[in-house]
Amino acid sequence: MLSGGNCGGDMCVCIYDPCIVRGFHLLPPTKQPDHFIEDNFERQSKFSQIATIFADISSMPRELDQRQNKLRKLLASNIYLPPVDLYNALHDNAVYVDSFGYDAPATIRNAFMLRTLYDSRWSCLWVKERVYRRDKKLGGEALRCLTHEDSNLPSNPINRPEGPPLGHFVLDDLMGAGSKMHSTYAAFYEGLQPVDIHDEDPPQPHKKAVSHAVHPSLREDLAKVQRHVEKHVEMWRTLTRSHETVLHSPPQSSAGLRRSSTLVKKQDEWGDLMRSFANGPAFAVGSPMQLLDVEAIKAAWAYHEEPAFAWKVAFQTLCRIKATSTGFLRITSLFADMVV
C-alpha cells in the first residue's frame, strides 16, 4: 500500500531497510482450503455441450422457427461471465472488509475465489449460483459500509472512511505520510532546472561538409540545404503551436466534431511536412552534393537548429550518425536520455 498498491495482499514490495523488515519472518505458502472447488464451483459438464445441442436440434421437426427458438434459449441460458468485479473489490480491500487480517479464513477464501475465476476461461469452473448470491449479499453489505454507496457490484478500489465500524487503521497514517513525502519530492523535482543535453556527434556530417566545401557550387548547395531545413523548422513550430491549441480546446457539442476533423487535418499536415522535408531540396544535374550523404547533412543541420524537430523527421538518420561515430554501437545511455 505504501508503494501505491492495495490491501489485497498479493503485491510484492521489496523493502531493504533492516529496521523495517527485521521483525518479519517467512511463512509457508497458504494452502487452498479443503473441498474449496467442490463447495464453491461447478464444472462445465453440468451445462449443455455443442454435440448435445446439435443432436437435439437435429431431432426436432424441420420448422426453422422451432429450431431457432431452441437455439436462442440454450445460448441465452449458457452465457457466463465470471463475476470477477465482486471478488476483485473484496480482494483489494480484504483487510478493511474482513477486518481480521490477511490470514483470516474469509480473506484466504476470497483470494482463492479470485484466482480460480481468473483461470475459469480454460478451467471451465463456474461459481455456483447460491455461492455467488451469498457472497454478493455479504460482500456488497461490507463494501457499502466502506463507501456509503448502494452499488451491488463495485469494481473500483475502495477508500475507507474514518470512524466506526472498523475504527482507526494504522496503514491510513502510513499512507498519508507517504503521500506527503511524495508531494514534497515531486515539488522538489519539478523545481529542478532542466539539463541541456546536446550531443556533439549528430551535427558532425554538416560540419565536415562545410569544412570541405571549397567549390562555390558546393557552398551554394549547402546553403540551399540549410535554407530548406530552416524553412521546415519554422513550419514545424507553427504546426506544433496550432496542434496544441486544438488538443486543449474543449470538445463541446458540435465543436467536438469540428475538433475531430481539425485533428485529422493536422495529422495530414504533419505527414505533408515530413514528406516535404524528405524530398527536398532539389539540386542541379551534376551537383557535387549528389556525391555526399545529403540525408545525414540535412539531419545534422536540423539537429543543430531544433533537436526536437530532428527527432521527428530524421530519427533513423540520427541513429545511423550516432552509430557510425561510436563504432556502430547501436545506442549509448546519453543518446537514449536525449531521445526520451
Protein backbone atom coordinates (compact mmCIF):
# COMPACT_ATOMS: atom_id res chain seq x y z
CA MET A 1 0.00 0.00 0.00
CA LEU A 2 2.88 2.36 0.78
CA SER A 3 4.19 1.82 -2.75
CA GLY A 4 0.86 2.61 -4.38
CA GLY A 5 -0.65 -0.87 -4.19
CA ASN A 6 -3.77 -2.03 -2.37
CA CYS A 7 -4.76 -4.23 0.55
CA GLY A 8 -5.17 -7.41 -1.49
CA GLY A 9 -2.02 -9.00 -0.10
CA ASP A 10 -0.82 -10.27 -3.48
CA MET A 11 1.67 -7.50 -4.37
CA CYS A 12 5.36 -7.99 -3.67
CA VAL A 13 7.21 -4.89 -2.42
CA CYS A 14 10.97 -5.00 -1.76
CA ILE A 15 11.97 -3.10 1.38
CA TYR A 16 15.67 -3.13 2.22
CA ASP A 17 15.69 -1.10 5.45
CA PRO A 18 16.64 -3.55 8.27
CA CYS A 19 14.75 -1.58 10.92
CA ILE A 20 11.53 -2.25 8.97
CA VAL A 21 11.99 -5.87 7.92
CA ARG A 22 13.82 -7.21 10.98
CA GLY A 23 10.63 -8.28 12.72
CA PHE A 24 9.13 -10.12 9.74
CA HIS A 25 9.54 -13.86 9.24
CA LEU A 26 8.82 -16.00 6.18
CA LEU A 27 5.77 -18.22 6.36
CA PRO A 28 4.93 -21.23 4.21
CA PRO A 29 2.64 -20.61 1.21
CA THR A 30 -1.05 -20.52 2.04
CA LYS A 31 -2.83 -23.72 1.09
CA GLN A 32 -6.17 -23.86 -0.64
CA PRO A 33 -8.98 -24.66 1.83
CA ASP A 34 -10.20 -28.25 1.89
CA HIS A 35 -13.04 -29.03 -0.54
CA PHE A 36 -12.74 -25.50 -1.89
CA ILE A 37 -13.54 -26.37 -5.54
CA GLU A 38 -16.38 -28.71 -4.67
CA ASP A 39 -18.01 -26.25 -2.29
CA ASN A 40 -17.82 -23.15 -4.49
CA PHE A 41 -17.66 -24.16 -8.17
CA GLU A 42 -19.28 -26.45 -10.68
CA ARG A 43 -17.79 -27.79 -13.87
CA GLN A 44 -18.88 -27.09 -17.41
CA SER A 45 -20.09 -30.69 -17.87
CA LYS A 46 -23.25 -29.70 -15.99
CA PHE A 47 -24.23 -27.49 -18.93
CA SER A 48 -25.25 -28.35 -22.46
CA GLN A 49 -22.43 -29.28 -24.84
CA ILE A 50 -22.31 -28.40 -28.54
CA ALA A 51 -22.66 -32.01 -29.65
CA THR A 52 -25.72 -32.49 -27.44
CA ILE A 53 -27.31 -29.28 -28.68
CA PHE A 54 -26.72 -30.28 -32.30
CA ALA A 55 -28.27 -33.71 -31.74
CA ASP A 56 -31.33 -32.22 -30.02
CA ILE A 57 -31.92 -29.67 -32.78
CA SER A 58 -31.42 -32.30 -35.50
CA SER A 59 -34.10 -34.49 -33.98
CA MET A 60 -36.65 -31.65 -33.90
CA PRO A 61 -39.22 -31.04 -36.64
CA ARG A 62 -37.79 -29.26 -39.67
CA GLU A 63 -39.63 -25.99 -38.99
CA LEU A 64 -36.97 -23.29 -38.85
CA ASP A 65 -38.69 -21.20 -36.16
CA GLN A 66 -38.73 -24.04 -33.63
CA ARG A 67 -35.06 -24.77 -34.12
CA GLN A 68 -34.13 -21.10 -33.85
CA ASN A 69 -36.13 -20.67 -30.65
CA LYS A 70 -34.48 -23.74 -29.12
CA LEU A 71 -31.02 -22.44 -30.02
CA ARG A 72 -31.77 -18.96 -28.64
CA LYS A 73 -32.88 -20.39 -25.30
CA LEU A 74 -29.81 -22.58 -25.00
CA LEU A 75 -27.44 -19.77 -25.89
CA ALA A 76 -29.08 -17.32 -23.51
CA SER A 77 -29.11 -19.79 -20.63
CA ASN A 78 -25.46 -20.73 -21.00
CA ILE A 79 -23.94 -17.26 -21.33
CA TYR A 80 -21.47 -16.97 -18.46
CA LEU A 81 -19.26 -14.05 -17.47
CA PRO A 82 -17.06 -14.71 -14.43
CA PRO A 83 -18.09 -12.33 -11.60
CA VAL A 84 -14.55 -11.01 -11.22
CA ASP A 85 -15.66 -7.49 -10.21
CA LEU A 86 -17.21 -8.51 -6.91
CA TYR A 87 -14.36 -10.75 -5.77
CA ASN A 88 -11.73 -8.32 -7.03
CA ALA A 89 -13.26 -5.50 -4.96
CA LEU A 90 -13.35 -7.74 -1.90
CA HIS A 91 -9.80 -8.91 -2.51
CA ASP A 92 -8.43 -5.36 -2.98
CA ASN A 93 -9.96 -4.35 0.34
CA ALA A 94 -9.54 -7.62 2.23
CA VAL A 95 -8.14 -6.04 5.40
CA TYR A 96 -10.93 -3.48 5.59
CA VAL A 97 -13.82 -5.74 4.62
CA ASP A 98 -12.92 -8.77 6.72
CA SER A 99 -11.21 -6.74 9.47
CA PHE A 100 -9.40 -9.88 10.66
CA GLY A 101 -6.14 -9.66 8.71
CA TYR A 102 -4.56 -11.41 5.76
CA ASP A 103 -4.60 -14.82 7.44
CA ALA A 104 -8.31 -14.81 8.23
CA PRO A 105 -10.20 -17.74 6.62
CA ALA A 106 -12.57 -15.34 4.81
CA THR A 107 -9.62 -13.40 3.36
CA ILE A 108 -7.88 -16.58 2.22
CA ARG A 109 -11.05 -17.99 0.70
CA ASN A 110 -11.72 -14.80 -1.25
CA ALA A 111 -8.17 -14.76 -2.60
CA PHE A 112 -8.60 -18.31 -3.91
CA MET A 113 -12.02 -17.41 -5.34
CA LEU A 114 -10.46 -14.60 -7.36
CA ARG A 115 -7.55 -16.74 -8.53
CA THR A 116 -9.90 -19.51 -9.66
CA LEU A 117 -12.13 -17.04 -11.51
CA TYR A 118 -9.15 -15.66 -13.41
CA ASP A 119 -8.47 -19.19 -14.67
CA SER A 120 -12.13 -20.08 -15.30
CA ARG A 121 -11.98 -19.42 -19.04
CA TRP A 122 -9.87 -22.52 -19.58
CA SER A 123 -10.53 -24.46 -16.35
CA CYS A 124 -14.31 -24.47 -17.06
CA LEU A 125 -15.07 -23.88 -13.38
CA TRP A 126 -18.06 -21.62 -12.74
CA VAL A 127 -19.18 -20.17 -9.43
CA LYS A 128 -22.23 -21.92 -8.05
CA GLU A 129 -25.29 -19.69 -8.17
CA ARG A 130 -26.06 -19.97 -4.45
CA VAL A 131 -22.43 -19.23 -3.56
CA TYR A 132 -22.35 -16.15 -5.75
CA ARG A 133 -25.64 -14.83 -4.35
CA ARG A 134 -24.41 -15.32 -0.79
CA ASP A 135 -21.04 -13.63 -1.43
CA LYS A 136 -22.71 -10.81 -3.32
CA LYS A 137 -25.08 -10.16 -0.41
CA LEU A 138 -22.48 -10.32 2.34
CA GLY A 139 -19.70 -8.67 0.35
CA GLY A 140 -21.95 -5.96 -1.02
CA GLU A 141 -23.06 -5.04 2.50
CA ALA A 142 -19.47 -4.84 3.70
CA LEU A 143 -18.37 -2.72 0.75
CA ARG A 144 -21.33 -0.37 1.10
CA CYS A 145 -20.30 0.06 4.72
CA LEU A 146 -16.94 1.29 3.47
CA THR A 147 -18.15 3.52 0.64
CA HIS A 148 -21.65 4.54 1.73
CA GLU A 149 -22.77 3.55 -1.78
CA ASP A 150 -25.66 1.36 -2.89
CA SER A 151 -23.81 -0.39 -5.72
CA ASN A 152 -24.11 -4.16 -5.52
CA LEU A 153 -21.01 -4.80 -7.55
CA PRO A 154 -18.31 -2.16 -7.01
CA SER A 155 -15.26 -2.72 -9.16
CA ASN A 156 -13.02 0.23 -8.25
CA PRO A 157 -10.59 0.41 -5.31
CA ILE A 158 -12.28 1.49 -2.10
CA ASN A 159 -11.28 4.49 0.02
CA ARG A 160 -12.33 3.62 3.56
CA PRO A 161 -13.82 6.48 5.59
CA GLU A 162 -12.66 7.18 9.12
CA GLY A 163 -14.70 6.18 12.11
CA PRO A 164 -16.85 3.15 13.02
CA PRO A 165 -17.41 0.36 12.50
CA LEU A 166 -13.79 -0.57 11.70
CA GLY A 167 -12.07 2.16 13.70
CA HIS A 168 -8.62 3.58 13.06
CA PHE A 169 -6.28 1.70 10.75
CA VAL A 170 -2.51 2.20 11.01
CA LEU A 171 -1.96 1.96 7.25
CA ASP A 172 -4.02 5.12 6.85
CA ASP A 173 -1.38 7.08 8.79
CA LEU A 174 1.44 5.47 6.81
CA MET A 175 -0.34 6.15 3.54
CA GLY A 176 -0.86 9.79 4.49
CA ALA A 177 2.80 10.18 5.43
CA GLY A 178 3.84 8.55 2.16
CA SER A 179 1.58 10.86 0.15
CA LYS A 180 3.03 13.90 1.92
CA MET A 181 6.56 12.68 1.22
CA HIS A 182 5.62 12.08 -2.44
CA SER A 183 4.29 15.63 -2.77
CA THR A 184 7.45 17.07 -1.19
CA TYR A 185 9.81 15.22 -3.53
CA ALA A 186 7.59 15.87 -6.55
CA ALA A 187 7.71 19.61 -5.84
CA PHE A 188 11.50 19.40 -5.44
CA TYR A 189 11.83 17.53 -8.73
CA GLU A 190 9.61 19.97 -10.59
CA GLY A 191 11.74 22.85 -9.28
CA LEU A 192 14.96 21.46 -10.71
CA GLN A 193 16.39 23.26 -13.70
CA PRO A 194 16.34 21.16 -16.89
CA VAL A 195 19.71 19.91 -18.05
CA ASP A 196 20.55 20.84 -21.60
CA ILE A 197 21.97 17.67 -23.12
CA HIS A 198 23.46 18.36 -26.52
CA ASP A 199 25.30 15.56 -28.28
CA GLU A 200 28.23 16.65 -30.40
CA ASP A 201 28.00 13.71 -32.83
CA PRO A 202 24.76 14.41 -34.79
CA PRO A 203 25.91 17.84 -36.17
CA GLN A 204 29.22 16.43 -37.47
CA PRO A 205 28.15 15.49 -41.06
CA HIS A 206 27.17 19.10 -41.76
CA LYS A 207 30.33 20.49 -40.16
CA LYS A 208 32.53 18.16 -42.21
CA ALA A 209 30.72 19.05 -45.42
CA VAL A 210 31.18 22.80 -44.75
CA SER A 211 34.85 22.37 -43.91
CA HIS A 212 35.44 20.61 -47.26
CA ALA A 213 33.27 22.93 -49.35
CA VAL A 214 35.89 24.61 -51.48
CA HIS A 215 33.96 24.87 -54.73
CA PRO A 216 31.41 27.74 -54.88
CA SER A 217 28.66 25.50 -56.24
CA LEU A 218 29.07 23.13 -53.30
CA ARG A 219 28.87 26.02 -50.84
CA GLU A 220 25.69 27.23 -52.58
CA ASP A 221 24.16 23.77 -52.39
CA LEU A 222 24.99 23.51 -48.68
CA ALA A 223 23.34 26.89 -48.15
CA LYS A 224 20.30 25.54 -50.02
CA VAL A 225 20.18 22.59 -47.59
CA GLN A 226 20.34 24.98 -44.64
CA ARG A 227 17.52 27.13 -46.03
CA HIS A 228 15.44 24.01 -46.70
CA VAL A 229 15.91 22.79 -43.13
CA GLU A 230 15.28 26.19 -41.55
CA LYS A 231 12.10 26.65 -43.58
CA HIS A 232 10.72 23.30 -42.35
CA VAL A 233 11.75 24.03 -38.77
CA GLU A 234 9.59 27.17 -38.86
CA MET A 235 6.74 25.24 -40.44
CA TRP A 236 7.07 22.62 -37.69
CA ARG A 237 6.96 25.25 -34.94
CA THR A 238 3.87 26.86 -36.41
CA LEU A 239 2.16 23.50 -36.82
CA THR A 240 3.10 22.46 -33.28
CA ARG A 241 1.58 25.60 -31.76
CA SER A 242 -1.66 25.21 -33.70
CA HIS A 243 -1.82 21.49 -32.89
CA GLU A 244 -1.52 22.20 -29.15
CA THR A 245 -4.34 24.73 -29.42
CA VAL A 246 -6.62 22.11 -30.95
CA LEU A 247 -5.72 19.49 -28.34
CA HIS A 248 -6.54 21.82 -25.46
CA SER A 249 -9.82 23.12 -26.89
CA PRO A 250 -12.95 21.79 -25.08
CA PRO A 251 -14.86 19.19 -27.15
CA GLN A 252 -18.40 20.53 -26.62
CA SER A 253 -21.47 19.70 -28.76
CA SER A 254 -20.89 20.44 -32.44
CA ALA A 255 -17.48 21.89 -31.60
CA GLY A 256 -16.40 18.35 -30.76
CA LEU A 257 -16.99 17.25 -34.38
CA ARG A 258 -15.07 20.25 -35.67
CA ARG A 259 -12.28 19.42 -33.23
CA SER A 260 -12.08 15.82 -34.52
CA SER A 261 -12.00 16.94 -38.15
CA THR A 262 -9.35 19.51 -37.29
CA LEU A 263 -7.20 16.83 -35.66
CA VAL A 264 -7.42 14.71 -38.80
CA LYS A 265 -6.43 17.74 -40.87
CA LYS A 266 -3.46 18.40 -38.58
CA GLN A 267 -2.30 14.80 -38.92
CA ASP A 268 -2.37 15.21 -42.70
CA GLU A 269 -0.33 18.41 -42.33
CA TRP A 270 2.24 16.53 -40.25
CA GLY A 271 2.55 13.95 -42.99
CA ASP A 272 2.90 16.62 -45.67
CA LEU A 273 5.62 18.34 -43.66
CA MET A 274 7.66 15.18 -43.20
CA ARG A 275 7.35 14.25 -46.89
CA SER A 276 8.34 17.76 -47.98
CA PHE A 277 11.40 17.67 -45.72
CA ALA A 278 12.44 14.26 -47.02
CA ASN A 279 12.00 15.13 -50.72
CA GLY A 280 13.97 18.39 -50.79
CA PRO A 281 15.91 20.29 -51.74
CA ALA A 282 16.45 19.72 -55.45
CA PHE A 283 19.95 20.03 -56.89
CA ALA A 284 21.14 20.67 -60.42
CA VAL A 285 22.30 17.76 -62.55
CA GLY A 286 25.97 17.10 -61.84
CA SER A 287 25.94 18.85 -58.47
CA PRO A 288 28.73 17.65 -56.15
CA MET A 289 26.09 17.27 -53.45
CA GLN A 290 24.97 14.10 -55.22
CA LEU A 291 28.26 12.54 -54.09
CA LEU A 292 27.62 13.33 -50.42
CA ASP A 293 25.25 11.90 -47.82
CA VAL A 294 22.54 14.54 -48.19
CA GLU A 295 20.20 12.86 -45.69
CA ALA A 296 22.89 12.94 -43.00
CA ILE A 297 23.71 16.59 -43.74
CA LYS A 298 20.02 17.56 -43.54
CA ALA A 299 19.57 15.65 -40.27
CA ALA A 300 22.72 17.20 -38.83
CA TRP A 301 21.62 20.77 -39.60
CA ALA A 302 18.09 20.02 -38.36
CA TYR A 303 19.60 18.81 -35.08
CA HIS A 304 21.68 21.99 -34.88
CA GLU A 305 18.60 24.18 -35.40
CA GLU A 306 16.00 22.26 -33.38
CA PRO A 307 16.74 18.78 -31.90
CA ALA A 308 13.04 18.03 -31.24
CA PHE A 309 12.25 18.64 -34.91
CA ALA A 310 15.19 16.49 -35.99
CA TRP A 311 13.96 13.55 -33.93
CA LYS A 312 10.57 13.80 -35.63
CA VAL A 313 11.74 13.91 -39.24
CA ALA A 314 15.14 12.16 -39.23
CA PHE A 315 15.16 9.68 -36.39
CA GLN A 316 16.75 6.78 -38.27
CA THR A 317 19.35 9.03 -39.87
CA LEU A 318 20.39 10.46 -36.50
CA CYS A 319 20.68 6.94 -35.11
CA ARG A 320 22.88 6.00 -38.06
CA ILE A 321 25.09 9.05 -37.49
CA LYS A 322 25.49 8.17 -33.83
CA ALA A 323 26.18 4.52 -34.59
CA THR A 324 28.86 5.46 -37.12
CA SER A 325 30.57 7.90 -34.76
CA THR A 326 30.73 5.33 -31.93
CA GLY A 327 31.97 2.40 -33.97
CA PHE A 328 28.46 1.08 -34.78
CA LEU A 329 27.45 0.85 -31.14
CA ARG A 330 23.68 0.97 -31.54
CA ILE A 331 22.85 3.11 -28.52
CA THR A 332 24.50 4.81 -25.55
CA SER A 333 22.96 5.89 -22.26
CA LEU A 334 23.45 9.58 -23.07
CA PHE A 335 21.89 9.16 -26.51
CA ALA A 336 18.93 7.27 -25.04
CA ASP A 337 18.33 10.03 -22.49
CA MET A 338 18.29 12.60 -25.30
CA VAL A 339 15.70 10.64 -27.27
CA VAL A 340 13.44 10.40 -24.22
